[in-house]
Amino acid sequence: QVQLVESGGGLVQAGGSLRLSCAAAGLTFRHYDMAWFRQAPGKERGFVAMVNWGGSTTYYTDSVKGRFTASRDNDKSTVYLQMNSLKPEDTAVYYCGARDGRDSISMSANDFPYWGQGTQVTVSS
């Protein structure tokens, strides 16, 4: 049974930082693209960042480039999202997703079969 457990969310002032973690179990972690998505109230779940299964490439949505950094530790089966210079518009529930990345690549939420429970990030102005 695949389990993804996020942690590290919270309340922070604009300009501050948070580091999210997502610990995975029940899958061969090194085979999986690990991505972060976020969902604000009334909006669809949208792509934020991804580390590919080989760990060699990261992808970011334009609004977080230069502020967020995604990384992974295959020994710990954990993916991280370091978020700096946070803005009120970053407020959302953040989810990690896992997808076997060996045959194809996707950053669509619909293509990710495994999800964590989400962690709330709130940025005050």
Protein backbone atom coordinates (compact mmCIF):
# COMPACT_ATOMS: atom_id res chain seq x y z
CA GLN A 1 0.00 0.00 0.00
CA VAL A 2 1.46 3.31 -1.10
CA GLN A 3 1.55 6.05 1.51
CA LEU A 4 2.70 9.65 1.09
CA VAL A 5 2.84 11.79 4.21
CA GLU A 6 3.46 15.53 3.97
CA SER A 7 4.69 17.72 6.81
CA GLY A 8 6.11 21.19 7.35
CA GLY A 9 3.20 23.45 6.55
CA GLY A 10 2.15 26.35 8.75
CA LEU A 11 1.54 30.06 9.06
CA VAL A 12 4.30 32.44 7.95
CA GLN A 13 4.56 36.13 7.16
CA ALA A 14 5.15 37.33 3.63
CA GLY A 15 8.84 37.09 2.79
CA GLY A 16 9.35 34.15 5.10
CA SER A 17 10.31 30.55 4.39
CA LEU A 18 8.96 27.07 4.93
CA ARG A 19 10.28 23.62 4.07
CA LEU A 20 7.79 20.91 3.19
CA SER A 21 8.63 17.22 3.35
CA CYS A 22 6.87 14.23 1.85
CA ALA A 23 7.85 10.77 3.06
CA ALA A 24 6.91 7.88 0.81
CA ALA A 25 6.36 4.21 1.60
CA GLY A 26 5.11 1.18 -0.29
CA LEU A 27 6.71 2.02 -3.62
CA THR A 28 10.12 1.81 -5.29
CA PHE A 29 10.85 5.46 -4.65
CA ARG A 30 13.74 5.80 -7.09
CA HIS A 31 11.40 4.89 -9.99
CA TYR A 32 8.94 7.68 -9.26
CA ASP A 33 8.70 11.28 -10.34
CA MET A 34 7.80 13.22 -7.21
CA ALA A 35 5.81 16.38 -7.60
CA TRP A 36 4.25 19.12 -5.51
CA PHE A 37 0.84 20.54 -6.31
CA ARG A 38 -1.24 23.11 -4.49
CA GLN A 39 -4.92 23.91 -4.21
CA ALA A 40 -6.37 27.17 -2.97
CA PRO A 41 -10.05 27.46 -1.99
CA GLY A 42 -12.28 27.48 -5.04
CA LYS A 43 -9.43 26.63 -7.40
CA GLU A 44 -8.20 23.49 -9.10
CA ARG A 45 -5.15 21.61 -7.94
CA GLY A 46 -2.22 23.05 -9.84
CA PHE A 47 1.36 22.00 -10.50
CA VAL A 48 4.10 23.64 -8.44
CA ALA A 49 7.33 21.66 -8.80
CA MET A 50 8.70 18.23 -9.63
CA VAL A 51 11.91 16.23 -9.27
CA ASN A 52 12.25 13.52 -11.88
CA TRP A 53 12.78 9.89 -10.91
CA GLY A 54 16.48 10.05 -11.63
CA GLY A 55 16.87 13.14 -9.51
CA SER A 56 18.66 14.95 -12.32
CA THR A 57 15.97 17.40 -13.38
CA THR A 58 13.58 19.74 -11.63
CA TYR A 59 10.59 21.54 -13.05
CA TYR A 60 8.74 24.56 -11.70
CA THR A 61 5.69 26.56 -12.52
CA ASP A 62 6.65 30.08 -13.53
CA SER A 63 5.24 31.77 -10.44
CA VAL A 64 7.64 29.96 -8.08
CA LYS A 65 10.82 29.91 -10.15
CA GLY A 66 13.70 31.43 -8.21
CA ARG A 67 11.81 31.13 -4.90
CA PHE A 68 11.05 27.42 -4.49
CA THR A 69 13.47 24.49 -4.70
CA ALA A 70 12.43 20.86 -4.98
CA SER A 71 14.81 18.08 -4.02
CA ARG A 72 14.76 14.41 -3.10
CA ASP A 73 16.66 11.97 -0.90
CA ASN A 74 16.27 8.47 -2.28
CA ASP A 75 17.88 6.92 0.80
CA LYS A 76 15.10 8.41 2.92
CA SER A 77 12.35 8.04 0.28
CA THR A 78 11.55 11.69 0.87
CA VAL A 79 10.96 14.69 -1.35
CA TYR A 80 11.30 18.26 -0.15
CA LEU A 81 10.05 21.68 -1.19
CA GLN A 82 12.03 24.62 0.13
CA MET A 83 9.87 27.72 -0.18
CA ASN A 84 11.51 31.13 0.20
CA SER A 85 10.23 34.68 -0.28
CA LEU A 86 6.70 33.47 0.31
CA LYS A 87 3.81 35.59 -0.89
CA PRO A 88 0.15 35.67 0.21
CA GLU A 89 -0.78 34.16 -3.15
CA ASP A 90 1.20 31.03 -2.20
CA THR A 91 -1.46 30.26 0.40
CA ALA A 92 -2.93 26.84 -0.36
CA VAL A 93 -3.02 23.22 0.67
CA TYR A 94 0.13 21.62 -0.71
CA TYR A 95 0.06 18.00 -1.86
CA CYS A 96 2.81 15.70 -2.95
CA GLY A 97 2.14 13.25 -5.75
CA ALA A 98 4.01 10.23 -7.07
CA ARG A 99 4.05 8.81 -10.57
CA ASP A 100 6.23 6.14 -12.17
CA GLY A 101 8.39 8.29 -14.41
CA ARG A 102 10.43 5.70 -16.27
CA ASP A 103 8.34 5.64 -19.47
CA SER A 104 6.94 9.13 -19.78
CA ILE A 105 6.75 12.49 -18.10
CA SER A 106 3.72 14.44 -17.03
CA MET A 107 2.96 17.37 -14.78
CA SER A 108 -0.79 16.92 -14.92
CA ALA A 109 -2.49 16.09 -11.64
CA ASN A 110 -4.72 13.64 -13.50
CA ASP A 111 -1.69 11.48 -14.32
CA PHE A 112 -0.54 11.06 -10.71
CA PRO A 113 -2.06 7.98 -9.07
CA TYR A 114 -0.69 8.51 -5.56
CA TRP A 115 -1.26 11.49 -3.27
CA GLY A 116 -0.56 12.60 0.24
CA GLN A 117 -3.16 14.06 2.56
CA GLY A 118 -1.96 17.63 2.07
CA THR A 119 -0.46 20.25 4.35
CA GLN A 120 -1.76 23.80 4.78
CA VAL A 121 0.50 26.73 3.97
CA THR A 122 -0.80 30.16 4.94
CA VAL A 123 1.15 33.32 4.13
CA SER A 124 -0.01 36.49 5.85
CA SER A 125 0.55 39.95 4.38
